[in-house]
N, C-alpha and C. Protein backbone atom coordinates (compact mmCIF):
# COMPACT_ATOMS: atom_id res chain seq x y z
N MET A 1 35.35 55.95 -45.21
CA MET A 1 36.37 54.91 -45.19
C MET A 1 37.13 54.95 -43.86
N ALA A 2 37.43 56.14 -43.37
CA ALA A 2 38.17 56.25 -42.11
C ALA A 2 37.40 55.62 -40.96
N GLU A 3 36.08 55.80 -40.95
CA GLU A 3 35.26 55.21 -39.89
C GLU A 3 35.28 53.68 -39.97
N LEU A 4 35.25 53.16 -41.19
CA LEU A 4 35.30 51.72 -41.38
C LEU A 4 36.62 51.15 -40.88
N ILE A 5 37.71 51.79 -41.26
CA ILE A 5 39.02 51.32 -40.81
C ILE A 5 39.15 51.44 -39.30
N GLU A 6 38.60 52.48 -38.73
CA GLU A 6 38.63 52.64 -37.27
C GLU A 6 37.85 51.52 -36.59
N ALA A 7 36.68 51.17 -37.11
CA ALA A 7 35.87 50.09 -36.54
C ALA A 7 36.63 48.76 -36.62
N ILE A 8 37.29 48.53 -37.74
CA ILE A 8 38.07 47.30 -37.89
C ILE A 8 39.24 47.29 -36.91
N THR A 9 39.93 48.42 -36.78
CA THR A 9 41.07 48.53 -35.88
C THR A 9 40.66 48.27 -34.43
N VAL A 10 39.54 48.83 -34.03
CA VAL A 10 39.05 48.63 -32.66
C VAL A 10 38.73 47.15 -32.43
N ALA A 11 38.08 46.52 -33.40
CA ALA A 11 37.74 45.10 -33.27
C ALA A 11 39.01 44.26 -33.18
N LEU A 12 39.99 44.59 -34.01
CA LEU A 12 41.25 43.83 -33.98
C LEU A 12 41.96 43.98 -32.64
N SER A 13 41.93 45.18 -32.09
CA SER A 13 42.62 45.41 -30.82
C SER A 13 41.96 44.66 -29.67
N SER A 14 40.69 44.28 -29.85
CA SER A 14 40.02 43.50 -28.81
C SER A 14 40.15 42.00 -29.05
N GLY A 15 40.94 41.62 -30.09
CA GLY A 15 41.20 40.21 -30.33
C GLY A 15 40.31 39.55 -31.36
N THR A 16 39.47 40.32 -32.03
CA THR A 16 38.59 39.76 -33.04
C THR A 16 39.41 39.33 -34.26
N ASN A 17 39.04 38.21 -34.85
CA ASN A 17 39.68 37.73 -36.07
C ASN A 17 39.57 38.81 -37.15
N PRO A 18 40.62 39.06 -37.94
CA PRO A 18 40.58 40.12 -38.95
C PRO A 18 39.43 39.98 -39.95
N VAL A 19 39.15 38.78 -40.40
CA VAL A 19 38.07 38.59 -41.38
C VAL A 19 36.72 38.85 -40.74
N THR A 20 36.55 38.39 -39.53
CA THR A 20 35.30 38.66 -38.80
C THR A 20 35.14 40.15 -38.58
N ALA A 21 36.22 40.83 -38.20
CA ALA A 21 36.17 42.27 -37.97
C ALA A 21 35.77 43.01 -39.24
N ILE A 22 36.35 42.63 -40.36
CA ILE A 22 36.01 43.27 -41.64
C ILE A 22 34.56 43.00 -42.00
N ARG A 23 34.16 41.76 -41.88
CA ARG A 23 32.79 41.39 -42.26
C ARG A 23 31.76 42.12 -41.40
N GLU A 24 31.99 42.14 -40.10
CA GLU A 24 31.04 42.81 -39.21
C GLU A 24 31.03 44.32 -39.41
N ALA A 25 32.20 44.91 -39.62
CA ALA A 25 32.28 46.36 -39.82
C ALA A 25 31.60 46.80 -41.12
N THR A 26 31.63 45.92 -42.11
CA THR A 26 30.99 46.26 -43.39
C THR A 26 29.52 45.85 -43.43
N GLY A 27 29.09 45.09 -42.43
CA GLY A 27 27.69 44.70 -42.34
C GLY A 27 27.30 43.54 -43.24
N TYR A 28 28.29 42.81 -43.74
CA TYR A 28 28.02 41.67 -44.62
C TYR A 28 27.76 40.40 -43.82
N THR A 29 26.93 39.54 -44.40
CA THR A 29 26.85 38.15 -43.93
C THR A 29 27.96 37.40 -44.65
N ILE A 30 28.24 36.19 -44.23
CA ILE A 30 29.25 35.38 -44.93
C ILE A 30 28.83 35.18 -46.38
N GLU A 31 27.55 34.93 -46.60
CA GLU A 31 27.06 34.71 -47.95
C GLU A 31 27.27 35.95 -48.82
N GLN A 32 26.93 37.11 -48.30
CA GLN A 32 27.09 38.36 -49.05
C GLN A 32 28.56 38.65 -49.33
N LEU A 33 29.40 38.40 -48.34
CA LEU A 33 30.82 38.67 -48.51
C LEU A 33 31.44 37.71 -49.53
N ALA A 34 30.93 36.49 -49.58
CA ALA A 34 31.42 35.54 -50.59
C ALA A 34 31.11 36.05 -51.99
N VAL A 35 29.91 36.54 -52.20
CA VAL A 35 29.53 37.06 -53.51
C VAL A 35 30.38 38.28 -53.86
N THR A 36 30.54 39.18 -52.91
CA THR A 36 31.29 40.41 -53.15
C THR A 36 32.76 40.15 -53.41
N SER A 37 33.35 39.25 -52.66
CA SER A 37 34.80 39.02 -52.75
C SER A 37 35.20 37.99 -53.79
N GLY A 38 34.25 37.15 -54.19
CA GLY A 38 34.60 36.08 -55.11
C GLY A 38 35.20 34.87 -54.42
N LEU A 39 35.28 34.92 -53.10
CA LEU A 39 35.75 33.77 -52.32
C LEU A 39 34.55 32.87 -52.01
N ALA A 40 34.79 31.60 -51.88
CA ALA A 40 33.73 30.68 -51.49
C ALA A 40 33.38 30.89 -50.02
N GLU A 41 32.13 30.58 -49.68
CA GLU A 41 31.73 30.70 -48.28
C GLU A 41 32.64 29.87 -47.39
N ALA A 42 33.00 28.68 -47.85
CA ALA A 42 33.88 27.80 -47.06
C ALA A 42 35.24 28.45 -46.83
N GLU A 43 35.74 29.18 -47.83
CA GLU A 43 37.03 29.87 -47.66
C GLU A 43 36.92 30.95 -46.59
N LEU A 44 35.82 31.68 -46.59
CA LEU A 44 35.61 32.72 -45.58
C LEU A 44 35.46 32.12 -44.19
N VAL A 45 34.73 31.02 -44.10
CA VAL A 45 34.57 30.34 -42.81
C VAL A 45 35.94 29.89 -42.30
N ASP A 46 36.76 29.34 -43.19
CA ASP A 46 38.11 28.93 -42.80
C ASP A 46 38.94 30.11 -42.32
N LEU A 47 38.85 31.23 -43.04
CA LEU A 47 39.60 32.43 -42.65
C LEU A 47 39.13 32.95 -41.29
N GLU A 48 37.82 32.92 -41.07
CA GLU A 48 37.30 33.38 -39.78
C GLU A 48 37.69 32.43 -38.65
N ALA A 49 37.93 31.17 -39.00
CA ALA A 49 38.34 30.18 -37.99
C ALA A 49 39.83 30.26 -37.69
N GLY A 50 40.54 31.10 -38.45
CA GLY A 50 41.95 31.30 -38.14
C GLY A 50 42.92 30.79 -39.18
N THR A 51 42.43 30.20 -40.26
CA THR A 51 43.33 29.77 -41.33
C THR A 51 44.03 31.00 -41.91
N VAL A 52 45.34 30.92 -42.02
CA VAL A 52 46.11 32.05 -42.53
C VAL A 52 46.41 31.82 -44.00
N ASP A 53 45.89 32.71 -44.83
CA ASP A 53 46.13 32.65 -46.27
C ASP A 53 46.20 34.09 -46.77
N GLN A 54 47.41 34.63 -46.84
CA GLN A 54 47.59 36.04 -47.18
C GLN A 54 46.99 36.38 -48.54
N ALA A 55 47.08 35.48 -49.49
CA ALA A 55 46.52 35.75 -50.83
C ALA A 55 45.01 35.96 -50.75
N ARG A 56 44.33 35.12 -49.99
CA ARG A 56 42.87 35.27 -49.83
C ARG A 56 42.54 36.53 -49.05
N LEU A 57 43.32 36.83 -48.04
CA LEU A 57 43.09 38.06 -47.26
C LEU A 57 43.27 39.30 -48.14
N THR A 58 44.28 39.28 -48.97
CA THR A 58 44.53 40.40 -49.88
C THR A 58 43.38 40.54 -50.88
N ARG A 59 42.92 39.43 -51.39
CA ARG A 59 41.79 39.43 -52.33
C ARG A 59 40.54 40.00 -51.68
N LEU A 60 40.31 39.65 -50.44
CA LEU A 60 39.17 40.16 -49.69
C LEU A 60 39.26 41.67 -49.52
N ALA A 61 40.41 42.14 -49.07
CA ALA A 61 40.59 43.59 -48.89
C ALA A 61 40.40 44.32 -50.20
N SER A 62 40.95 43.81 -51.27
CA SER A 62 40.84 44.44 -52.58
C SER A 62 39.38 44.53 -53.03
N ALA A 63 38.63 43.46 -52.84
CA ALA A 63 37.23 43.43 -53.25
C ALA A 63 36.39 44.46 -52.50
N LEU A 64 36.81 44.77 -51.28
CA LEU A 64 36.06 45.73 -50.45
C LEU A 64 36.64 47.15 -50.54
N GLY A 65 37.70 47.31 -51.34
CA GLY A 65 38.31 48.63 -51.48
C GLY A 65 39.07 49.07 -50.26
N LEU A 66 39.54 48.11 -49.47
CA LEU A 66 40.29 48.41 -48.25
C LEU A 66 41.78 48.33 -48.53
N PRO A 67 42.58 49.09 -47.82
CA PRO A 67 44.03 48.97 -47.99
C PRO A 67 44.50 47.58 -47.55
N GLU A 68 45.48 47.06 -48.25
CA GLU A 68 46.01 45.74 -47.91
C GLU A 68 46.54 45.68 -46.48
N SER A 69 46.97 46.81 -45.96
CA SER A 69 47.52 46.85 -44.60
C SER A 69 46.50 46.41 -43.55
N VAL A 70 45.22 46.51 -43.87
CA VAL A 70 44.17 46.10 -42.93
C VAL A 70 44.25 44.60 -42.66
N VAL A 71 44.69 43.84 -43.65
CA VAL A 71 44.75 42.38 -43.50
C VAL A 71 46.17 41.83 -43.50
N ALA A 72 47.15 42.70 -43.52
CA ALA A 72 48.54 42.24 -43.57
C ALA A 72 48.90 41.50 -42.29
N LEU A 73 49.60 40.41 -42.46
CA LEU A 73 49.99 39.61 -41.29
C LEU A 73 51.36 40.01 -40.81
């Protein structure tokens, strides 16, 4: 878990979108992440494009077993 959070933190520090950073660090495609998180693919695409929705971000973190602080705005 620590390695995963470190990979996400590094990606965020380089300006990567938080959802993209999480998805890439976990090795998921958008389709796979939609199934795992229960979010629609369109919702994930919107989040990766910069739409801010804390409830969806929290749901994503929870589905992946990540601390909410990873996606906190």
